[in-house]
């Protein structure tokens, strides 16, 4: 299941905290990277995008590579995989197609 995150400053951290209590959910929180469990922070750290281009629909250039990085932190046996990156609201189609 893939769902885009809520817009910034709309309670997304509280919503993630509630949803993440489900035993069928996996988040990026275990990554221990700044950014409130946001996958974008992981992709920036790995060099797949930058702070400057993170809002671009063309970033990252290779969503297949980005999803492989996400899979290192998601428990792929779970039914619901959450990336709380607000920058990805308009990128859900690219992420879905890469999965």
PDB file of N, CA and C in Angstrom:
ATOM      1  N   UNK A   1       0.848  -1.170   0.000  1.00  0.00           N
ATOM      2  CA  UNK A   1       0.000   0.000   0.000  1.00  0.00           C
ATOM      3  C   UNK A   1       0.892   1.230   0.000  1.00  0.00           C
ATOM      4  N   UNK A   2       0.587   2.197  -0.831  1.00  0.00           N
ATOM      5  CA  UNK A   2       1.364   3.426  -0.920  1.00  0.00           C
ATOM      6  C   UNK A   2       0.410   4.598  -0.847  1.00  0.00           C
ATOM      7  N   UNK A   3       0.688   5.510   0.045  1.00  0.00           N
ATOM      8  CA  UNK A   3      -0.137   6.700   0.192  1.00  0.00           C
ATOM      9  C   UNK A   3       0.774   7.895   0.358  1.00  0.00           C
ATOM     10  N   UNK A   4       0.528   8.969  -0.399  1.00  0.00           N
ATOM     11  CA  UNK A   4       1.365  10.148  -0.226  1.00  0.00           C
ATOM     12  C   UNK A   4       1.145  10.757   1.154  1.00  0.00           C
ATOM     13  N   UNK A   5       2.152  11.417   1.692  1.00  0.00           N
ATOM     14  CA  UNK A   5       2.031  12.016   3.024  1.00  0.00           C
ATOM     15  C   UNK A   5       1.153  13.258   2.995  1.00  0.00           C
ATOM     16  N   UNK A   6       0.685  13.682   4.159  1.00  0.00           N
ATOM     17  CA  UNK A   6      -0.049  14.948   4.227  1.00  0.00           C
ATOM     18  C   UNK A   6       0.888  16.115   3.948  1.00  0.00           C
ATOM     19  N   UNK A   7       0.330  17.286   3.643  1.00  0.00           N
ATOM     20  CA  UNK A   7       1.183  18.450   3.397  1.00  0.00           C
ATOM     21  C   UNK A   7       1.959  18.856   4.650  1.00  0.00           C
ATOM     22  N   UNK A   8       3.042  19.625   4.464  1.00  0.00           N
ATOM     23  CA  UNK A   8       3.846  20.060   5.608  1.00  0.00           C
ATOM     24  C   UNK A   8       3.017  20.854   6.620  1.00  0.00           C
ATOM     25  N   UNK A   9       3.406  20.730   7.876  1.00  0.00           N
ATOM     26  CA  UNK A   9       2.805  21.488   8.977  1.00  0.00           C
ATOM     27  C   UNK A   9       1.305  21.240   9.112  1.00  0.00           C
ATOM     28  N   UNK A  10       0.898  19.994   8.864  1.00  0.00           N
ATOM     29  CA  UNK A  10      -0.521  19.647   8.978  1.00  0.00           C
ATOM     30  C   UNK A  10      -0.746  18.508   9.967  1.00  0.00           C
ATOM     31  N   UNK A  11       0.249  18.233  10.788  1.00  0.00           N
ATOM     32  CA  UNK A  11       0.105  17.157  11.765  1.00  0.00           C
ATOM     33  C   UNK A  11       0.618  15.820  11.277  1.00  0.00           C
ATOM     34  N   UNK A  12       1.479  15.830  10.264  1.00  0.00           N
ATOM     35  CA  UNK A  12       1.954  14.570   9.680  1.00  0.00           C
ATOM     36  C   UNK A  12       2.770  13.739  10.670  1.00  0.00           C
ATOM     37  N   UNK A  13       3.507  14.379  11.562  1.00  0.00           N
ATOM     38  CA  UNK A  13       4.302  13.626  12.537  1.00  0.00           C
ATOM     39  C   UNK A  13       3.388  12.893  13.513  1.00  0.00           C
ATOM     40  N   UNK A  14       2.344  13.566  13.970  1.00  0.00           N
ATOM     41  CA  UNK A  14       1.383  12.915  14.868  1.00  0.00           C
ATOM     42  C   UNK A  14       0.660  11.786  14.152  1.00  0.00           C
ATOM     43  N   UNK A  15       0.267  12.021  12.903  1.00  0.00           N
ATOM     44  CA  UNK A  15      -0.415  10.985  12.125  1.00  0.00           C
ATOM     45  C   UNK A  15       0.493   9.776  11.926  1.00  0.00           C
ATOM     46  N   UNK A  16       1.762  10.005  11.583  1.00  0.00           N
ATOM     47  CA  UNK A  16       2.713   8.907  11.425  1.00  0.00           C
ATOM     48  C   UNK A  16       2.850   8.131  12.728  1.00  0.00           C
ATOM     49  N   UNK A  17       2.948   8.851  13.839  1.00  0.00           N
ATOM     50  CA  UNK A  17       3.076   8.188  15.131  1.00  0.00           C
ATOM     51  C   UNK A  17       1.914   7.260  15.413  1.00  0.00           C
ATOM     52  N   UNK A  18       0.719   7.674  15.053  1.00  0.00           N
ATOM     53  CA  UNK A  18      -0.464   6.838  15.260  1.00  0.00           C
ATOM     54  C   UNK A  18      -0.465   5.637  14.319  1.00  0.00           C
ATOM     55  N   UNK A  19      -0.261   5.879  13.037  1.00  0.00           N
ATOM     56  CA  UNK A  19      -0.287   4.794  12.050  1.00  0.00           C
ATOM     57  C   UNK A  19       0.830   3.791  12.320  1.00  0.00           C
ATOM     58  N   UNK A  20       1.988   4.276  12.738  1.00  0.00           N
ATOM     59  CA  UNK A  20       3.150   3.405  12.952  1.00  0.00           C
ATOM     60  C   UNK A  20       2.971   2.447  14.122  1.00  0.00           C
ATOM     61  N   UNK A  21       1.942   2.642  14.933  1.00  0.00           N
ATOM     62  CA  UNK A  21       1.697   1.700  16.031  1.00  0.00           C
ATOM     63  C   UNK A  21       1.140   0.376  15.529  1.00  0.00           C
ATOM     64  N   UNK A  22       0.692   0.338  14.294  1.00  0.00           N
ATOM     65  CA  UNK A  22       0.154  -0.901  13.732  1.00  0.00           C
ATOM     66  C   UNK A  22       1.279  -1.904  13.502  1.00  0.00           C
ATOM     67  N   UNK A  23       1.042  -3.169  13.810  1.00  0.00           N
ATOM     68  CA  UNK A  23       2.071  -4.187  13.564  1.00  0.00           C
ATOM     69  C   UNK A  23       2.262  -4.509  12.083  1.00  0.00           C
ATOM     70  N   UNK A  24       1.443  -3.929  11.206  1.00  0.00           N
ATOM     71  CA  UNK A  24       1.569  -4.199   9.771  1.00  0.00           C
ATOM     72  C   UNK A  24       2.219  -3.046   9.019  1.00  0.00           C
ATOM     73  N   UNK A  25       2.837  -2.119   9.748  1.00  0.00           N
ATOM     74  CA  UNK A  25       3.413  -0.912   9.153  1.00  0.00           C
ATOM     75  C   UNK A  25       4.926  -0.909   9.309  1.00  0.00           C
ATOM     76  N   UNK A  26       5.619  -0.428   8.270  1.00  0.00           N
ATOM     77  CA  UNK A  26       7.055  -0.202   8.348  1.00  0.00           C
ATOM     78  C   UNK A  26       7.341   1.240   7.942  1.00  0.00           C
ATOM     79  N   UNK A  27       8.228   1.899   8.691  1.00  0.00           N
ATOM     80  CA  UNK A  27       8.592   3.294   8.422  1.00  0.00           C
ATOM     81  C   UNK A  27      10.103   3.394   8.219  1.00  0.00           C
ATOM     82  N   UNK A  28      10.563   4.599   7.950  1.00  0.00           N
ATOM     83  CA  UNK A  28      11.998   4.864   7.854  1.00  0.00           C
ATOM     84  C   UNK A  28      12.582   5.317   9.184  1.00  0.00           C
ATOM     85  N   UNK A  29      11.800   5.291  10.245  1.00  0.00           N
ATOM     86  CA  UNK A  29      12.257   5.807  11.542  1.00  0.00           C
ATOM     87  C   UNK A  29      13.500   5.082  12.050  1.00  0.00           C
ATOM     88  N   UNK A  30      13.630   3.812  11.756  1.00  0.00           N
ATOM     89  CA  UNK A  30      14.776   3.033  12.233  1.00  0.00           C
ATOM     90  C   UNK A  30      16.093   3.483  11.603  1.00  0.00           C
ATOM     91  N   UNK A  31      16.019   4.283  10.550  1.00  0.00           N
ATOM     92  CA  UNK A  31      17.239   4.742   9.879  1.00  0.00           C
ATOM     93  C   UNK A  31      18.073   5.635  10.787  1.00  0.00           C
ATOM     94  N   UNK A  32      17.424   6.290  11.746  1.00  0.00           N
ATOM     95  CA  UNK A  32      18.152   7.156  12.666  1.00  0.00           C
ATOM     96  C   UNK A  32      18.742   8.383  12.002  1.00  0.00           C
ATOM     97  N   UNK A  33      18.157   8.798  10.904  1.00  0.00           N
ATOM     98  CA  UNK A  33      18.639   9.960  10.156  1.00  0.00           C
ATOM     99  C   UNK A  33      17.705  11.126  10.441  1.00  0.00           C
ATOM    100  N   UNK A  34      18.258  12.324  10.492  1.00  0.00           N
ATOM    101  CA  UNK A  34      17.426  13.503  10.755  1.00  0.00           C
ATOM    102  C   UNK A  34      16.261  13.548   9.771  1.00  0.00           C
ATOM    103  N   UNK A  35      15.209  14.234  10.137  1.00  0.00           N
ATOM    104  CA  UNK A  35      14.128  14.415   9.184  1.00  0.00           C
ATOM    105  C   UNK A  35      12.832  13.746   9.581  1.00  0.00           C
ATOM    106  N   UNK A  36      12.657  13.406  10.860  1.00  0.00           N
ATOM    107  CA  UNK A  36      11.374  12.881  11.317  1.00  0.00           C
ATOM    108  C   UNK A  36      10.897  11.687  10.495  1.00  0.00           C
ATOM    109  N   UNK A  37      11.752  10.734  10.265  1.00  0.00           N
ATOM    110  CA  UNK A  37      11.400   9.482   9.576  1.00  0.00           C
ATOM    111  C   UNK A  37      11.151   9.679   8.084  1.00  0.00           C
ATOM    112  N   UNK A  38      11.717  10.716   7.513  1.00  0.00           N
ATOM    113  CA  UNK A  38      11.485  11.017   6.106  1.00  0.00           C
ATOM    114  C   UNK A  38      12.555  10.389   5.224  1.00  0.00           C
ATOM    115  N   UNK A  39      12.107   9.676   4.211  1.00  0.00           N
ATOM    116  CA  UNK A  39      13.020   9.018   3.290  1.00  0.00           C
ATOM    117  C   UNK A  39      13.870   9.984   2.491  1.00  0.00           C
ATOM    118  N   UNK A  40      13.368  11.191   2.266  1.00  0.00           N
ATOM    119  CA  UNK A  40      14.151  12.179   1.527  1.00  0.00           C
ATOM    120  C   UNK A  40      15.493  12.421   2.204  1.00  0.00           C
ATOM    121  N   UNK A  41      15.503  12.454   3.526  1.00  0.00           N
ATOM    122  CA  UNK A  41      16.762  12.656   4.250  1.00  0.00           C
ATOM    123  C   UNK A  41      17.745  11.530   3.968  1.00  0.00           C
ATOM    124  N   UNK A  42      17.229  10.309   3.852  1.00  0.00           N
ATOM    125  CA  UNK A  42      18.080   9.164   3.524  1.00  0.00           C
ATOM    126  C   UNK A  42      18.652   9.329   2.120  1.00  0.00           C
ATOM    127  N   UNK A  43      17.801   9.728   1.170  1.00  0.00           N
ATOM    128  CA  UNK A  43      18.252   9.877  -0.222  1.00  0.00           C
ATOM    129  C   UNK A  43      19.268  11.005  -0.364  1.00  0.00           C
ATOM    130  N   UNK A  44      19.111  12.073   0.409  1.00  0.00           N
ATOM    131  CA  UNK A  44      20.097  13.160   0.390  1.00  0.00           C
ATOM    132  C   UNK A  44      21.421  12.651   0.944  1.00  0.00           C
ATOM    133  N   UNK A  45      21.365  11.938   2.063  1.00  0.00           N
ATOM    134  CA  UNK A  45      22.595  11.398   2.657  1.00  0.00           C
ATOM    135  C   UNK A  45      23.304  10.446   1.699  1.00  0.00           C
ATOM    136  N   UNK A  46      22.540   9.692   0.911  1.00  0.00           N
ATOM    137  CA  UNK A  46      23.119   8.734  -0.030  1.00  0.00           C
ATOM    138  C   UNK A  46      23.504   9.360  -1.366  1.00  0.00           C
ATOM    139  N   UNK A  47      23.232  10.642  -1.559  1.00  0.00           N
ATOM    140  CA  UNK A  47      23.628  11.329  -2.782  1.00  0.00           C
ATOM    141  C   UNK A  47      22.680  11.154  -3.953  1.00  0.00           C
ATOM    142  N   UNK A  48      21.464  10.662  -3.720  1.00  0.00           N
ATOM    143  CA  UNK A  48      20.502  10.484  -4.809  1.00  0.00           C
ATOM    144  C   UNK A  48      19.701  11.750  -5.093  1.00  0.00           C
ATOM    145  N   UNK A  49      19.747  12.693  -4.165  1.00  0.00           N
ATOM    146  CA  UNK A  49      19.143  14.008  -4.370  1.00  0.00           C
ATOM    147  C   UNK A  49      19.868  14.985  -3.456  1.00  0.00           C
ATOM    148  N   UNK A  50      19.584  16.263  -3.638  1.00  0.00           N
ATOM    149  CA  UNK A  50      20.216  17.290  -2.813  1.00  0.00           C
ATOM    150  C   UNK A  50      19.138  18.109  -2.107  1.00  0.00           C
ATOM    151  N   UNK A  51      19.571  18.895  -1.141  1.00  0.00           N
ATOM    152  CA  UNK A  51      18.633  19.815  -0.483  1.00  0.00           C
ATOM    153  C   UNK A  51      18.013  20.755  -1.517  1.00  0.00           C
ATOM    154  N   UNK A  52      18.805  21.156  -2.509  1.00  0.00           N
ATOM    155  CA  UNK A  52      18.328  22.117  -3.503  1.00  0.00           C
ATOM    156  C   UNK A  52      17.310  21.532  -4.471  1.00  0.00           C
ATOM    157  N   UNK A  53      17.430  20.238  -4.807  1.00  0.00           N
ATOM    158  CA  UNK A  53      16.520  19.683  -5.818  1.00  0.00           C
ATOM    159  C   UNK A  53      15.476  18.727  -5.242  1.00  0.00           C
ATOM    160  N   UNK A  54      15.375  18.642  -3.928  1.00  0.00           N
ATOM    161  CA  UNK A  54      14.480  17.652  -3.320  1.00  0.00           C
ATOM    162  C   UNK A  54      13.013  17.871  -3.655  1.00  0.00           C
ATOM    163  N   UNK A  55      12.605  19.088  -4.000  1.00  0.00           N
ATOM    164  CA  UNK A  55      11.206  19.351  -4.349  1.00  0.00           C
ATOM    165  C   UNK A  55      10.931  19.129  -5.835  1.00  0.00           C
ATOM    166  N   UNK A  56      11.958  18.927  -6.628  1.00  0.00           N
ATOM    167  CA  UNK A  56      11.785  18.735  -8.070  1.00  0.00           C
ATOM    168  C   UNK A  56      11.138  17.386  -8.370  1.00  0.00           C
ATOM    169  N   UNK A  57      10.190  17.387  -9.302  1.00  0.00           N
ATOM    170  CA  UNK A  57       9.554  16.131  -9.720  1.00  0.00           C
ATOM    171  C   UNK A  57      10.555  15.192 -10.373  1.00  0.00           C
ATOM    172  N   UNK A  58      11.680  15.711 -10.817  1.00  0.00           N
ATOM    173  CA  UNK A  58      12.701  14.887 -11.472  1.00  0.00           C
ATOM    174  C   UNK A  58      13.765  14.396 -10.499  1.00  0.00           C
ATOM    175  N   UNK A  59      13.520  14.584  -9.224  1.00  0.00           N
ATOM    176  CA  UNK A  59      14.508  14.172  -8.230  1.00  0.00           C
ATOM    177  C   UNK A  59      13.875  13.209  -7.233  1.00  0.00           C
ATOM    178  N   UNK A  60      14.517  12.069  -7.062  1.00  0.00           N
ATOM    179  CA  UNK A  60      15.758  11.622  -7.684  1.00  0.00           C
ATOM    180  C   UNK A  60      15.525  11.207  -9.136  1.00  0.00           C
ATOM    181  N   UNK A  61      16.586  11.179  -9.891  1.00  0.00           N
ATOM    182  CA  UNK A  61      16.488  10.817 -11.306  1.00  0.00           C
ATOM    183  C   UNK A  61      16.119   9.353 -11.486  1.00  0.00           C
ATOM    184  N   UNK A  62      16.508   8.512 -10.555  1.00  0.00           N
ATOM    185  CA  UNK A  62      16.264   7.066 -10.661  1.00  0.00           C
ATOM    186  C   UNK A  62      15.497   6.580  -9.429  1.00  0.00           C
ATOM    187  N   UNK A  63      14.184   6.464  -9.564  1.00  0.00           N
ATOM    188  CA  UNK A  63      13.378   6.002  -8.433  1.00  0.00           C
ATOM    189  C   UNK A  63      13.620   4.538  -8.118  1.00  0.00           C
ATOM    190  N   UNK A  64      14.044   3.753  -9.095  1.00  0.00           N
ATOM    191  CA  UNK A  64      14.363   2.344  -8.801  1.00  0.00           C
ATOM    192  C   UNK A  64      15.519   2.281  -7.799  1.00  0.00           C
ATOM    193  N   UNK A  65      16.538   3.111  -7.996  1.00  0.00           N
ATOM    194  CA  UNK A  65      17.661   3.160  -7.049  1.00  0.00           C
ATOM    195  C   UNK A  65      17.195   3.687  -5.696  1.00  0.00           C
ATOM    196  N   UNK A  66      16.321   4.681  -5.707  1.00  0.00           N
ATOM    197  CA  UNK A  66      15.815   5.236  -4.451  1.00  0.00           C
ATOM    198  C   UNK A  66      15.017   4.195  -3.673  1.00  0.00           C
ATOM    199  N   UNK A  67      14.177   3.445  -4.357  1.00  0.00           N
ATOM    200  CA  UNK A  67      13.386   2.408  -3.682  1.00  0.00           C
ATOM    201  C   UNK A  67      14.304   1.330  -3.112  1.00  0.00           C
ATOM    202  N   UNK A  68      15.378   0.992  -3.821  1.00  0.00           N
ATOM    203  CA  UNK A  68      16.333   0.014  -3.273  1.00  0.00           C
ATOM    204  C   UNK A  68      16.937   0.525  -1.959  1.00  0.00           C
ATOM    205  N   UNK A  69      17.218   1.812  -1.895  1.00  0.00           N
ATOM    206  CA  UNK A  69      17.722   2.398  -0.647  1.00  0.00           C
ATOM    207  C   UNK A  69      16.631   2.341   0.419  1.00  0.00           C
ATOM    208  N   UNK A  70      15.421   2.722   0.071  1.00  0.00           N
ATOM    209  CA  UNK A  70      14.306   2.655   1.027  1.00  0.00           C
ATOM    210  C   UNK A  70      14.144   1.239   1.575  1.00  0.00           C
ATOM    211  N   UNK A  71      14.300   0.246   0.721  1.00  0.00           N
ATOM    212  CA  UNK A  71      14.117  -1.151   1.138  1.00  0.00           C
ATOM    213  C   UNK A  71      15.119  -1.574   2.213  1.00  0.00           C
ATOM    214  N   UNK A  72      16.241  -0.877   2.303  1.00  0.00           N
ATOM    215  CA  UNK A  72      17.212  -1.176   3.362  1.00  0.00           C
ATOM    216  C   UNK A  72      16.655  -0.834   4.742  1.00  0.00           C
ATOM    217  N   UNK A  73      15.687   0.055   4.797  1.00  0.00           N
ATOM    218  CA  UNK A  73      15.122   0.515   6.064  1.00  0.00           C
ATOM    219  C   UNK A  73      13.701   0.017   6.299  1.00  0.00           C
ATOM    220  N   UNK A  74      12.936  -0.198   5.233  1.00  0.00           N
ATOM    221  CA  UNK A  74      11.593  -0.741   5.373  1.00  0.00           C
ATOM    222  C   UNK A  74      11.657  -2.232   5.648  1.00  0.00           C
ATOM    223  N   UNK A  75      10.727  -2.726   6.418  1.00  0.00           N
ATOM    224  CA  UNK A  75      10.524  -4.163   6.562  1.00  0.00           C
ATOM    225  C   UNK A  75       9.578  -4.563   5.437  1.00  0.00           C
ATOM    226  N   UNK A  76      10.119  -5.130   4.384  1.00  0.00           N
ATOM    227  CA  UNK A  76       9.350  -5.398   3.173  1.00  0.00           C
ATOM    228  C   UNK A  76       8.279  -6.469   3.356  1.00  0.00           C
ATOM    229  N   UNK A  77       8.253  -7.147   4.491  1.00  0.00           N
ATOM    230  CA  UNK A  77       7.198  -8.133   4.723  1.00  0.00           C
ATOM    231  C   UNK A  77       5.927  -7.476   5.274  1.00  0.00           C
ATOM    232  N   UNK A  78       5.998  -6.194   5.583  1.00  0.00           N
ATOM    233  CA  UNK A  78       4.824  -5.499   6.108  1.00  0.00           C
ATOM    234  C   UNK A  78       3.877  -5.107   4.977  1.00  0.00           C
ATOM    235  N   UNK A  79       2.610  -4.947   5.337  1.00  0.00           N
ATOM    236  CA  UNK A  79       1.587  -4.582   4.353  1.00  0.00           C
ATOM    237  C   UNK A  79       1.640  -3.110   3.961  1.00  0.00           C
ATOM    238  N   UNK A  80       2.068  -2.262   4.879  1.00  0.00           N
ATOM    239  CA  UNK A  80       2.066  -0.818   4.655  1.00  0.00           C
ATOM    240  C   UNK A  80       3.481  -0.288   4.855  1.00  0.00           C
ATOM    241  N   UNK A  81       3.989   0.418   3.836  1.00  0.00           N
ATOM    242  CA  UNK A  81       5.326   1.015   3.875  1.00  0.00           C
ATOM    243  C   UNK A  81       5.149   2.529   3.851  1.00  0.00           C
ATOM    244  N   UNK A  82       5.698   3.203   4.849  1.00  0.00           N
ATOM    245  CA  UNK A  82       5.478   4.645   4.962  1.00  0.00           C
ATOM    246  C   UNK A  82       6.774   5.413   4.744  1.00  0.00           C
ATOM    247  N   UNK A  83       6.691   6.393   3.839  1.00  0.00           N
ATOM    248  CA  UNK A  83       7.719   7.416   3.701  1.00  0.00           C
ATOM    249  C   UNK A  83       7.027   8.737   3.992  1.00  0.00           C
ATOM    250  N   UNK A  84       7.427   9.410   5.038  1.00  0.00           N
ATOM    251  CA  UNK A  84       6.773  10.640   5.471  1.00  0.00           C
ATOM    252  C   UNK A  84       7.333  11.886   4.775  1.00  0.00           C
ATOM    253  N   UNK A  85       8.076  11.725   3.728  1.00  0.00           N
ATOM    254  CA  UNK A  85       8.675  12.867   3.030  1.00  0.00           C
ATOM    255  C   UNK A  85       7.602  13.711   2.356  1.00  0.00           C
ATOM    256  N   UNK A  86       7.395  14.914   2.858  1.00  0.00           N
ATOM    257  CA  UNK A  86       6.386  15.782   2.256  1.00  0.00           C
ATOM    258  C   UNK A  86       6.776  16.191   0.835  1.00  0.00           C
ATOM    259  N   UNK A  87       8.065  16.162   0.539  1.00  0.00           N
ATOM    260  CA  UNK A  87       8.516  16.510  -0.818  1.00  0.00           C
ATOM    261  C   UNK A  87       7.998  15.518  -1.852  1.00  0.00           C
ATOM    262  N   UNK A  88       7.584  14.341  -1.396  1.00  0.00           N
ATOM    263  CA  UNK A  88       7.160  13.292  -2.324  1.00  0.00           C
ATOM    264  C   UNK A  88       5.659  13.263  -2.571  1.00  0.00           C
ATOM    265  N   UNK A  89       4.934  14.243  -2.067  1.00  0.00           N
ATOM    266  CA  UNK A  89       3.486  14.279  -2.271  1.00  0.00           C
ATOM    267  C   UNK A  89       3.157  14.149  -3.758  1.00  0.00           C
ATOM    268  N   UNK A  90       3.841  14.872  -4.596  1.00  0.00           N
ATOM    269  CA  UNK A  90       3.551  14.873  -6.032  1.00  0.00           C
ATOM    270  C   UNK A  90       4.384  13.835  -6.801  1.00  0.00           C
ATOM    271  N   UNK A  91       5.077  12.945  -6.085  1.00  0.00           N
ATOM    272  CA  UNK A  91       5.919  11.938  -6.733  1.00  0.00           C
ATOM    273  C   UNK A  91       5.396  10.518  -6.517  1.00  0.00           C
ATOM    274  N   UNK A  92       4.207  10.370  -5.960  1.00  0.00           N
ATOM    275  CA  UNK A  92       3.680   9.047  -5.609  1.00  0.00           C
ATOM    276  C   UNK A  92       3.630   8.111  -6.817  1.00  0.00           C
ATOM    277  N   UNK A  93       3.278   8.632  -7.981  1.00  0.00           N
ATOM    278  CA  UNK A  93       3.194   7.782  -9.174  1.00  0.00           C
ATOM    279  C   UNK A  93       4.566   7.209  -9.526  1.00  0.00           C
ATOM    280  N   UNK A  94       5.610   8.031  -9.490  1.00  0.00           N
ATOM    281  CA  UNK A  94       6.955   7.546  -9.804  1.00  0.00           C
ATOM    282  C   UNK A  94       7.408   6.488  -8.793  1.00  0.00           C
ATOM    283  N   UNK A  95       7.115   6.726  -7.520  1.00  0.00           N
ATOM    284  CA  UNK A  95       7.503   5.764  -6.486  1.00  0.00           C
ATOM    285  C   UNK A  95       6.767   4.451  -6.703  1.00  0.00           C
ATOM    286  N   UNK A  96       5.461   4.538  -6.927  1.00  0.00           N
ATOM    287  CA  UNK A  96       4.650   3.335  -7.149  1.00  0.00           C
ATOM    288  C   UNK A  96       5.181   2.532  -8.335  1.00  0.00           C
ATOM    289  N   UNK A  97       5.475   3.219  -9.426  1.00  0.00           N
ATOM    290  CA  UNK A  97       5.964   2.532 -10.626  1.00  0.00           C
ATOM    291  C   UNK A  97       7.330   1.892 -10.399  1.00  0.00           C
ATOM    292  N   UNK A  98       8.136   2.452  -9.511  1.00  0.00           N
ATOM    293  CA  UNK A  98       9.456   1.886  -9.228  1.00  0.00           C
ATOM    294  C   UNK A  98       9.372   0.672  -8.316  1.00  0.00           C
ATOM    295  N   UNK A  99       8.234   0.497  -7.662  1.00  0.00           N
ATOM    296  CA  UNK A  99       8.078  -0.631  -6.750  1.00  0.00           C
ATOM    297  C   UNK A  99       7.546  -1.822  -7.511  1.00  0.00           C
TER     298      UNK A  99
END
